[in-house]
Amino acid sequence: MRQKIHRVLLRQLRKAGIDDSGGATREQLASLLLHVDRSYHGADRERYLLERSLQLTSREMQELYDAQQQASETAIAAERDKLRAVLESLGDGLIILDEAACITLLNPEAERIFGRDMADCHGLPVSALGRFETGSGSTLDIEDLAEGTFEVRENDGRLVTDDRQIAVAFVLNPIVQAEDIIGAVLVFRDITAPKAAERREKVLQQTLARRARLESVGLLAGGVAHDLNNILGPMVAYPPMILEQLPEDSPIVEDVE
């Protein structure tokens, strides 16, 4: 049984003027070889173009990835710088803690209040700097965040250090990731000046209230004196008039006098 000729070779034979019966002249064979050679060269060119296209596509994809990666890193760096600027300009003290309740960040206001630099405090527990107390006198316990520390808010608390006691308001919020507590943020504000102003305001209000009461008593006393004067006035004015009308030897002269 005769084997079937591949369609590509058959097409080349036809281009060379050779049928599939098997007979061919030298010129026809030479023409066939020329067509086959051209086909191989054409295939080589197509393979080169394909490989070149793949190389260009791969390079473009890498350049695109690198550009996106650089843009992403630039955006992250910009956000980080923005956050750092916000933290540094924050008027409140801020402490960021890790899952072991150790300090990972103090902003400049916290450094000012504690009188310590961030470099000296990194990795220390908050208790090494001082303790936060609520208005009732209980100490804020933040040493074990694994127990599930919840939000704590205190508007009339105290910060007690080794050498002083500061009136503060503070808020403690846990940092939660995938339902696990991985740290906490403690924000606090020195309210010493507002508390002093509040005390001065209270003393002033008490002074004004006392003055108002004294003024009321004064007005009441003035009204009573006026009423008594109206009553006693005739009693003081009438005796001289009566004495003028009485004879000198009258028995009531002495009583009138």
C-alpha atoms as a PDB file:
ATOM      1  CA  MET A   1       0.000   0.000   0.000  1.00  0.00           C
ATOM      2  CA  ARG A   2       1.368   3.383  -1.012  1.00  0.00           C
ATOM      3  CA  GLN A   3       1.995   5.852   1.855  1.00  0.00           C
ATOM      4  CA  LYS A   4       0.099   9.129   1.645  1.00  0.00           C
ATOM      5  CA  ILE A   5       2.283  12.185   0.995  1.00  0.00           C
ATOM      6  CA  HIS A   6       2.116  15.013   3.559  1.00  0.00           C
ATOM      7  CA  ARG A   7       0.052  17.927   2.300  1.00  0.00           C
ATOM      8  CA  VAL A   8       2.888  20.430   2.742  1.00  0.00           C
ATOM      9  CA  LEU A   9       5.280  18.311   0.658  1.00  0.00           C
ATOM     10  CA  LEU A  10       2.534  17.715  -1.881  1.00  0.00           C
ATOM     11  CA  ARG A  11       2.059  21.454  -2.193  1.00  0.00           C
ATOM     12  CA  GLN A  12       5.790  21.906  -2.777  1.00  0.00           C
ATOM     13  CA  LEU A  13       5.798  19.146  -5.425  1.00  0.00           C
ATOM     14  CA  ARG A  14       2.975  20.857  -7.264  1.00  0.00           C
ATOM     15  CA  LYS A  15       4.824  24.176  -7.163  1.00  0.00           C
ATOM     16  CA  ALA A  16       7.798  22.395  -8.753  1.00  0.00           C
ATOM     17  CA  GLY A  17       5.541  20.844 -11.472  1.00  0.00           C
ATOM     18  CA  ILE A  18       5.849  17.285 -10.106  1.00  0.00           C
ATOM     19  CA  ASP A  19       2.795  15.115  -9.579  1.00  0.00           C
ATOM     20  CA  ASP A  20       2.554  12.377  -6.973  1.00  0.00           C
ATOM     21  CA  SER A  21       3.050   9.581  -9.519  1.00  0.00           C
ATOM     22  CA  GLY A  22       6.803   9.562  -8.830  1.00  0.00           C
ATOM     23  CA  GLY A  23       8.288  10.668 -12.141  1.00  0.00           C
ATOM     24  CA  ALA A  24      10.390  13.871 -12.155  1.00  0.00           C
ATOM     25  CA  THR A  25      13.171  15.432 -14.256  1.00  0.00           C
ATOM     26  CA  ARG A  26      16.393  16.883 -12.844  1.00  0.00           C
ATOM     27  CA  GLU A  27      15.091  20.396 -13.364  1.00  0.00           C
ATOM     28  CA  GLN A  28      11.913  19.559 -11.481  1.00  0.00           C
ATOM     29  CA  LEU A  29      13.933  18.076  -8.579  1.00  0.00           C
ATOM     30  CA  ALA A  30      16.145  21.160  -8.487  1.00  0.00           C
ATOM     31  CA  SER A  31      13.049  23.358  -8.424  1.00  0.00           C
ATOM     32  CA  LEU A  32      11.649  21.199  -5.605  1.00  0.00           C
ATOM     33  CA  LEU A  33      14.825  21.568  -3.571  1.00  0.00           C
ATOM     34  CA  LEU A  34      14.721  25.334  -4.117  1.00  0.00           C
ATOM     35  CA  HIS A  35      11.122  25.490  -2.870  1.00  0.00           C
ATOM     36  CA  VAL A  36      11.994  23.342   0.162  1.00  0.00           C
ATOM     37  CA  ASP A  37      14.996  25.557   0.925  1.00  0.00           C
ATOM     38  CA  ARG A  38      12.865  28.676   0.714  1.00  0.00           C
ATOM     39  CA  SER A  39      10.307  27.066   2.999  1.00  0.00           C
ATOM     40  CA  TYR A  40      13.003  26.323   5.602  1.00  0.00           C
ATOM     41  CA  HIS A  41      14.328  29.876   5.379  1.00  0.00           C
ATOM     42  CA  GLY A  42      10.781  31.197   5.702  1.00  0.00           C
ATOM     43  CA  ALA A  43      10.216  29.004   8.772  1.00  0.00           C
ATOM     44  CA  ASP A  44      13.498  30.279  10.262  1.00  0.00           C
ATOM     45  CA  ARG A  45      12.414  33.896   9.717  1.00  0.00           C
ATOM     46  CA  GLU A  46       9.007  33.236  11.274  1.00  0.00           C
ATOM     47  CA  ARG A  47      10.622  31.503  14.267  1.00  0.00           C
ATOM     48  CA  TYR A  48      13.033  34.434  14.695  1.00  0.00           C
ATOM     49  CA  LEU A  49      10.194  36.943  14.535  1.00  0.00           C
ATOM     50  CA  LEU A  50       8.188  34.928  17.056  1.00  0.00           C
ATOM     51  CA  GLU A  51      11.150  34.665  19.435  1.00  0.00           C
ATOM     52  CA  ARG A  52      11.851  38.379  19.004  1.00  0.00           C
ATOM     53  CA  SER A  53       8.232  39.205  19.705  1.00  0.00           C
ATOM     54  CA  LEU A  54       8.278  37.034  22.816  1.00  0.00           C
ATOM     55  CA  GLN A  55      11.481  38.711  24.001  1.00  0.00           C
ATOM     56  CA  LEU A  56      10.013  42.179  23.490  1.00  0.00           C
ATOM     57  CA  THR A  57       6.780  41.188  25.192  1.00  0.00           C
ATOM     58  CA  SER A  58       8.683  39.701  28.128  1.00  0.00           C
ATOM     59  CA  ARG A  59      10.846  42.841  28.456  1.00  0.00           C
ATOM     60  CA  GLU A  60       7.808  45.108  28.258  1.00  0.00           C
ATOM     61  CA  MET A  61       6.007  43.041  30.898  1.00  0.00           C
ATOM     62  CA  GLN A  62       9.057  43.208  33.176  1.00  0.00           C
ATOM     63  CA  GLU A  63       9.364  46.964  32.647  1.00  0.00           C
ATOM     64  CA  LEU A  64       5.653  47.370  33.371  1.00  0.00           C
ATOM     65  CA  TYR A  65       5.968  45.275  36.536  1.00  0.00           C
ATOM     66  CA  ASP A  66       9.034  47.240  37.654  1.00  0.00           C
ATOM     67  CA  ALA A  67       7.213  50.521  37.004  1.00  0.00           C
ATOM     68  CA  GLN A  68       4.168  49.374  38.959  1.00  0.00           C
ATOM     69  CA  GLN A  69       6.372  48.080  41.774  1.00  0.00           C
ATOM     70  CA  GLN A  70       8.242  51.388  41.940  1.00  0.00           C
ATOM     71  CA  ALA A  71       4.977  53.336  41.864  1.00  0.00           C
ATOM     72  CA  SER A  72       3.593  51.172  44.653  1.00  0.00           C
ATOM     73  CA  GLU A  73       6.726  51.627  46.766  1.00  0.00           C
ATOM     74  CA  THR A  74       6.651  55.366  46.096  1.00  0.00           C
ATOM     75  CA  ALA A  75       2.994  55.567  47.140  1.00  0.00           C
ATOM     76  CA  ILE A  76       3.698  53.566  50.304  1.00  0.00           C
ATOM     77  CA  ALA A  77       6.663  55.806  51.132  1.00  0.00           C
ATOM     78  CA  ALA A  78       4.515  58.902  50.562  1.00  0.00           C
ATOM     79  CA  GLU A  79       1.792  57.562  52.868  1.00  0.00           C
ATOM     80  CA  ARG A  80       4.430  56.672  55.453  1.00  0.00           C
ATOM     81  CA  ASP A  81       5.862  60.208  55.295  1.00  0.00           C
ATOM     82  CA  LYS A  82       2.373  61.669  55.572  1.00  0.00           C
ATOM     83  CA  LEU A  83       1.603  59.530  58.621  1.00  0.00           C
ATOM     84  CA  ARG A  84       4.931  60.468  60.220  1.00  0.00           C
ATOM     85  CA  ALA A  85       4.176  64.169  59.668  1.00  0.00           C
ATOM     86  CA  VAL A  86       0.747  63.770  61.282  1.00  0.00           C
ATOM     87  CA  LEU A  87       2.174  61.940  64.297  1.00  0.00           C
ATOM     88  CA  GLU A  88       4.949  64.485  64.762  1.00  0.00           C
ATOM     89  CA  SER A  89       2.555  67.435  64.590  1.00  0.00           C
ATOM     90  CA  LEU A  90      -0.042  65.811  66.852  1.00  0.00           C
ATOM     91  CA  GLY A  91      -0.680  67.917  69.950  1.00  0.00           C
ATOM     92  CA  ASP A  92      -1.395  64.806  72.033  1.00  0.00           C
ATOM     93  CA  GLY A  93       1.091  62.236  73.275  1.00  0.00           C
ATOM     94  CA  LEU A  94       0.959  58.948  71.360  1.00  0.00           C
ATOM     95  CA  ILE A  95       2.439  55.553  72.208  1.00  0.00           C
ATOM     96  CA  ILE A  96       2.254  52.521  69.903  1.00  0.00           C
ATOM     97  CA  LEU A  97       2.697  49.144  71.602  1.00  0.00           C
ATOM     98  CA  ASP A  98       3.407  45.685  70.213  1.00  0.00           C
ATOM     99  CA  GLU A  99       1.612  42.470  71.200  1.00  0.00           C
ATOM    100  CA  ALA A 100       3.800  42.240  74.322  1.00  0.00           C
ATOM    101  CA  ALA A 101       2.717  45.779  75.350  1.00  0.00           C
ATOM    102  CA  CYS A 102       6.229  47.095  74.712  1.00  0.00           C
ATOM    103  CA  ILE A 103       6.863  50.512  73.158  1.00  0.00           C
ATOM    104  CA  THR A 104       7.524  50.633  69.420  1.00  0.00           C
ATOM    105  CA  LEU A 105       6.885  54.356  68.896  1.00  0.00           C
ATOM    106  CA  LEU A 106       6.709  57.592  70.878  1.00  0.00           C
ATOM    107  CA  ASN A 107       5.732  60.771  69.076  1.00  0.00           C
ATOM    108  CA  PRO A 108       7.492  64.079  69.958  1.00  0.00           C
ATOM    109  CA  GLU A 109       4.729  65.191  72.371  1.00  0.00           C
ATOM    110  CA  ALA A 110       5.013  61.915  74.297  1.00  0.00           C
ATOM    111  CA  GLU A 111       8.792  62.382  74.425  1.00  0.00           C
ATOM    112  CA  ARG A 112       8.262  65.882  75.831  1.00  0.00           C
ATOM    113  CA  ILE A 113       5.805  64.748  78.511  1.00  0.00           C
ATOM    114  CA  PHE A 114       7.945  61.811  79.651  1.00  0.00           C
ATOM    115  CA  GLY A 115      11.224  63.657  79.187  1.00  0.00           C
ATOM    116  CA  ARG A 116      12.646  60.640  77.344  1.00  0.00           C
ATOM    117  CA  ASP A 117      13.839  60.010  73.783  1.00  0.00           C
ATOM    118  CA  MET A 118      12.296  57.365  71.553  1.00  0.00           C
ATOM    119  CA  ALA A 119      15.679  55.648  71.165  1.00  0.00           C
ATOM    120  CA  ASP A 120      15.860  55.118  74.941  1.00  0.00           C
ATOM    121  CA  CYS A 121      12.285  53.815  75.229  1.00  0.00           C
ATOM    122  CA  HIS A 122      12.033  51.365  72.331  1.00  0.00           C
ATOM    123  CA  GLY A 123      11.166  47.888  73.615  1.00  0.00           C
ATOM    124  CA  LEU A 124      10.375  49.044  77.160  1.00  0.00           C
ATOM    125  CA  PRO A 125       6.995  48.459  78.835  1.00  0.00           C
ATOM    126  CA  VAL A 126       4.929  51.582  79.510  1.00  0.00           C
ATOM    127  CA  SER A 127       5.290  50.966  83.238  1.00  0.00           C
ATOM    128  CA  ALA A 128       9.000  51.767  82.887  1.00  0.00           C
ATOM    129  CA  LEU A 129       8.025  55.374  82.105  1.00  0.00           C
ATOM    130  CA  GLY A 130       5.090  55.788  84.491  1.00  0.00           C
ATOM    131  CA  ARG A 131       1.613  54.572  85.263  1.00  0.00           C
ATOM    132  CA  PHE A 132      -1.741  55.836  84.058  1.00  0.00           C
ATOM    133  CA  GLU A 133      -4.494  56.092  86.669  1.00  0.00           C
ATOM    134  CA  THR A 134      -8.219  56.622  86.261  1.00  0.00           C
ATOM    135  CA  GLY A 135     -10.170  59.275  88.117  1.00  0.00           C
ATOM    136  CA  SER A 136     -11.105  56.675  90.743  1.00  0.00           C
ATOM    137  CA  GLY A 137      -7.428  55.937  91.421  1.00  0.00           C
ATOM    138  CA  SER A 138      -7.181  52.518  89.752  1.00  0.00           C
ATOM    139  CA  THR A 139      -4.127  51.836  87.572  1.00  0.00           C
ATOM    140  CA  LEU A 140      -4.566  51.182  83.856  1.00  0.00           C
ATOM    141  CA  ASP A 141      -3.420  47.604  83.207  1.00  0.00           C
ATOM    142  CA  ILE A 142      -2.045  47.246  79.676  1.00  0.00           C
ATOM    143  CA  GLU A 143       0.791  44.793  80.253  1.00  0.00           C
ATOM    144  CA  ASP A 144      -1.086  41.744  78.936  1.00  0.00           C
ATOM    145  CA  LEU A 145      -2.762  42.556  75.630  1.00  0.00           C
ATOM    146  CA  ALA A 146      -3.328  38.868  74.941  1.00  0.00           C
ATOM    147  CA  GLU A 147      -6.147  38.932  77.494  1.00  0.00           C
ATOM    148  CA  GLY A 148      -8.186  41.045  75.070  1.00  0.00           C
ATOM    149  CA  THR A 149      -7.757  44.617  76.217  1.00  0.00           C
ATOM    150  CA  PHE A 150     -10.796  46.623  75.218  1.00  0.00           C
ATOM    151  CA  GLU A 151     -11.127  50.347  74.589  1.00  0.00           C
ATOM    152  CA  VAL A 152     -10.478  52.435  77.702  1.00  0.00           C
ATOM    153  CA  ARG A 153     -11.385  56.122  77.836  1.00  0.00           C
ATOM    154  CA  GLU A 154     -10.651  58.427  80.784  1.00  0.00           C
ATOM    155  CA  ASN A 155     -11.218  62.196  80.829  1.00  0.00           C
ATOM    156  CA  ASP A 156      -9.985  62.881  84.371  1.00  0.00           C
ATOM    157  CA  GLY A 157      -6.977  60.643  84.869  1.00  0.00           C
ATOM    158  CA  ARG A 158      -3.403  61.022  86.074  1.00  0.00           C
ATOM    159  CA  LEU A 159       0.037  60.112  84.792  1.00  0.00           C
ATOM    160  CA  VAL A 160       2.340  59.310  87.697  1.00  0.00           C
ATOM    161  CA  THR A 161       6.089  59.250  87.050  1.00  0.00           C
ATOM    162  CA  ASP A 162       9.041  59.031  89.419  1.00  0.00           C
ATOM    163  CA  ASP A 163       9.255  62.793  89.924  1.00  0.00           C
ATOM    164  CA  ARG A 164       5.821  64.244  89.204  1.00  0.00           C
ATOM    165  CA  GLN A 165       2.101  63.721  88.705  1.00  0.00           C
ATOM    166  CA  ILE A 166       0.332  65.100  85.645  1.00  0.00           C
ATOM    167  CA  ALA A 167      -3.388  65.465  85.022  1.00  0.00           C
ATOM    168  CA  VAL A 168      -4.156  63.675  81.754  1.00  0.00           C
ATOM    169  CA  ALA A 169      -7.028  62.438  79.622  1.00  0.00           C
ATOM    170  CA  PHE A 170      -6.243  59.211  77.765  1.00  0.00           C
ATOM    171  CA  VAL A 171      -7.691  56.635  75.361  1.00  0.00           C
ATOM    172  CA  LEU A 172      -6.385  53.095  74.864  1.00  0.00           C
ATOM    173  CA  ASN A 173      -7.418  51.201  71.718  1.00  0.00           C
ATOM    174  CA  PRO A 174      -6.227  47.703  70.718  1.00  0.00           C
ATOM    175  CA  ILE A 175      -4.841  47.041  67.225  1.00  0.00           C
ATOM    176  CA  VAL A 176      -6.706  44.032  65.825  1.00  0.00           C
ATOM    177  CA  GLN A 177      -5.667  41.988  62.798  1.00  0.00           C
ATOM    178  CA  ALA A 178      -7.666  38.930  61.724  1.00  0.00           C
ATOM    179  CA  GLU A 179      -9.402  38.925  65.125  1.00  0.00           C
ATOM    180  CA  ASP A 180      -6.033  38.805  66.933  1.00  0.00           C
ATOM    181  CA  ILE A 181      -4.699  41.659  69.059  1.00  0.00           C
ATOM    182  CA  ILE A 182      -1.266  42.557  67.708  1.00  0.00           C
ATOM    183  CA  GLY A 183      -0.718  45.755  69.686  1.00  0.00           C
ATOM    184  CA  ALA A 184      -2.361  48.881  71.016  1.00  0.00           C
ATOM    185  CA  VAL A 185      -2.401  52.659  70.620  1.00  0.00           C
ATOM    186  CA  LEU A 186      -2.392  54.869  73.703  1.00  0.00           C
ATOM    187  CA  VAL A 187      -3.213  58.548  73.149  1.00  0.00           C
ATOM    188  CA  PHE A 188      -3.024  60.955  76.074  1.00  0.00           C
ATOM    189  CA  ARG A 189      -3.256  64.716  76.630  1.00  0.00           C
ATOM    190  CA  ASP A 190      -1.737  66.880  79.341  1.00  0.00           C
ATOM    191  CA  ILE A 191      -4.731  68.672  80.872  1.00  0.00           C
ATOM    192  CA  THR A 192      -2.815  70.382  83.691  1.00  0.00           C
ATOM    193  CA  ALA A 193      -3.444  73.868  82.292  1.00  0.00           C
ATOM    194  CA  PRO A 194      -7.158  73.259  81.560  1.00  0.00           C
ATOM    195  CA  LYS A 195      -7.612  71.766  85.043  1.00  0.00           C
ATOM    196  CA  ALA A 196      -5.934  74.810  86.629  1.00  0.00           C
ATOM    197  CA  ALA A 197      -8.139  77.108  84.557  1.00  0.00           C
ATOM    198  CA  GLU A 198     -11.164  75.081  85.660  1.00  0.00           C
ATOM    199  CA  ARG A 199     -10.177  75.486  89.315  1.00  0.00           C
ATOM    200  CA  ARG A 200      -9.695  79.247  88.853  1.00  0.00           C
ATOM    201  CA  GLU A 201     -13.080  79.445  87.170  1.00  0.00           C
ATOM    202  CA  LYS A 202     -14.658  77.559  90.071  1.00  0.00           C
ATOM    203  CA  VAL A 203     -13.054  79.883  92.657  1.00  0.00           C
ATOM    204  CA  LEU A 204     -14.193  82.898  90.655  1.00  0.00           C
ATOM    205  CA  GLN A 205     -17.749  81.556  90.481  1.00  0.00           C
ATOM    206  CA  GLN A 206     -17.729  80.951  94.235  1.00  0.00           C
ATOM    207  CA  THR A 207     -16.424  84.484  94.850  1.00  0.00           C
ATOM    208  CA  LEU A 208     -19.075  85.994  92.608  1.00  0.00           C
ATOM    209  CA  ALA A 209     -21.779  83.930  94.322  1.00  0.00           C
ATOM    210  CA  ARG A 210     -20.559  85.100  97.774  1.00  0.00           C
ATOM    211  CA  ARG A 211     -20.508  88.722  96.604  1.00  0.00           C
ATOM    212  CA  ALA A 212     -23.998  88.368  95.209  1.00  0.00           C
ATOM    213  CA  ARG A 213     -25.218  87.003  98.565  1.00  0.00           C
ATOM    214  CA  LEU A 214     -23.581  89.905 100.418  1.00  0.00           C
ATOM    215  CA  GLU A 215     -25.171  92.371  98.026  1.00  0.00           C
ATOM    216  CA  SER A 216     -28.541  90.729  98.645  1.00  0.00           C
ATOM    217  CA  VAL A 217     -28.037  90.970 102.416  1.00  0.00           C
ATOM    218  CA  GLY A 218     -26.989  94.608 102.030  1.00  0.00           C
ATOM    219  CA  LEU A 219     -30.088  95.408 100.004  1.00  0.00           C
ATOM    220  CA  LEU A 220     -32.263  93.624 102.576  1.00  0.00           C
ATOM    221  CA  ALA A 221     -30.623  95.502 105.442  1.00  0.00           C
ATOM    222  CA  GLY A 222     -31.074  98.793 103.620  1.00  0.00           C
ATOM    223  CA  GLY A 223     -34.742  98.046 103.078  1.00  0.00           C
ATOM    224  CA  VAL A 224     -35.256  97.151 106.753  1.00  0.00           C
ATOM    225  CA  ALA A 225     -33.422 100.280 107.863  1.00  0.00           C
ATOM    226  CA  HIS A 226     -35.589 102.383 105.582  1.00  0.00           C
ATOM    227  CA  ASP A 227     -38.753 100.832 106.978  1.00  0.00           C
ATOM    228  CA  LEU A 228     -37.543 101.325 110.563  1.00  0.00           C
ATOM    229  CA  ASN A 229     -36.656 104.916 109.770  1.00  0.00           C
ATOM    230  CA  ASN A 230     -40.186 105.489 108.523  1.00  0.00           C
ATOM    231  CA  ILE A 231     -41.515 104.074 111.771  1.00  0.00           C
ATOM    232  CA  LEU A 232     -39.066 105.750 114.153  1.00  0.00           C
ATOM    233  CA  GLY A 233     -38.985 109.116 112.363  1.00  0.00           C
ATOM    234  CA  PRO A 234     -42.251 110.422 113.856  1.00  0.00           C
ATOM    235  CA  MET A 235     -41.336 108.997 117.243  1.00  0.00           C
ATOM    236  CA  VAL A 236     -38.120 111.051 117.230  1.00  0.00           C
ATOM    237  CA  ALA A 237     -39.727 114.221 115.833  1.00  0.00           C
ATOM    238  CA  TYR A 238     -42.872 114.343 118.007  1.00  0.00           C
ATOM    239  CA  PRO A 239     -41.347 114.647 121.574  1.00  0.00           C
ATOM    240  CA  PRO A 240     -39.874 118.151 121.022  1.00  0.00           C
ATOM    241  CA  MET A 241     -43.206 119.297 119.629  1.00  0.00           C
ATOM    242  CA  ILE A 242     -45.057 117.832 122.616  1.00  0.00           C
ATOM    243  CA  LEU A 243     -42.661 119.463 125.072  1.00  0.00           C
ATOM    244  CA  GLU A 244     -43.334 122.860 123.507  1.00  0.00           C
ATOM    245  CA  GLN A 245     -47.044 122.434 124.169  1.00  0.00           C
ATOM    246  CA  LEU A 246     -46.726 121.201 127.794  1.00  0.00           C
ATOM    247  CA  PRO A 247     -46.371 123.506 130.797  1.00  0.00           C
ATOM    248  CA  GLU A 248     -43.031 123.261 132.545  1.00  0.00           C
ATOM    249  CA  ASP A 249     -44.591 121.802 135.696  1.00  0.00           C
ATOM    250  CA  SER A 250     -46.496 119.077 133.809  1.00  0.00           C
ATOM    251  CA  PRO A 251     -46.000 115.625 135.402  1.00  0.00           C
ATOM    252  CA  ILE A 252     -45.382 113.951 132.001  1.00  0.00           C
ATOM    253  CA  VAL A 253     -42.517 116.231 130.933  1.00  0.00           C
ATOM    254  CA  GLU A 254     -39.992 113.833 132.361  1.00  0.00           C
ATOM    255  CA  ASP A 255     -41.519 110.857 130.565  1.00  0.00           C
ATOM    256  CA  VAL A 256     -41.594 112.715 127.226  1.00  0.00           C
ATOM    257  CA  GLU A 257     -37.977 113.685 127.647  1.00  0.00           C
END
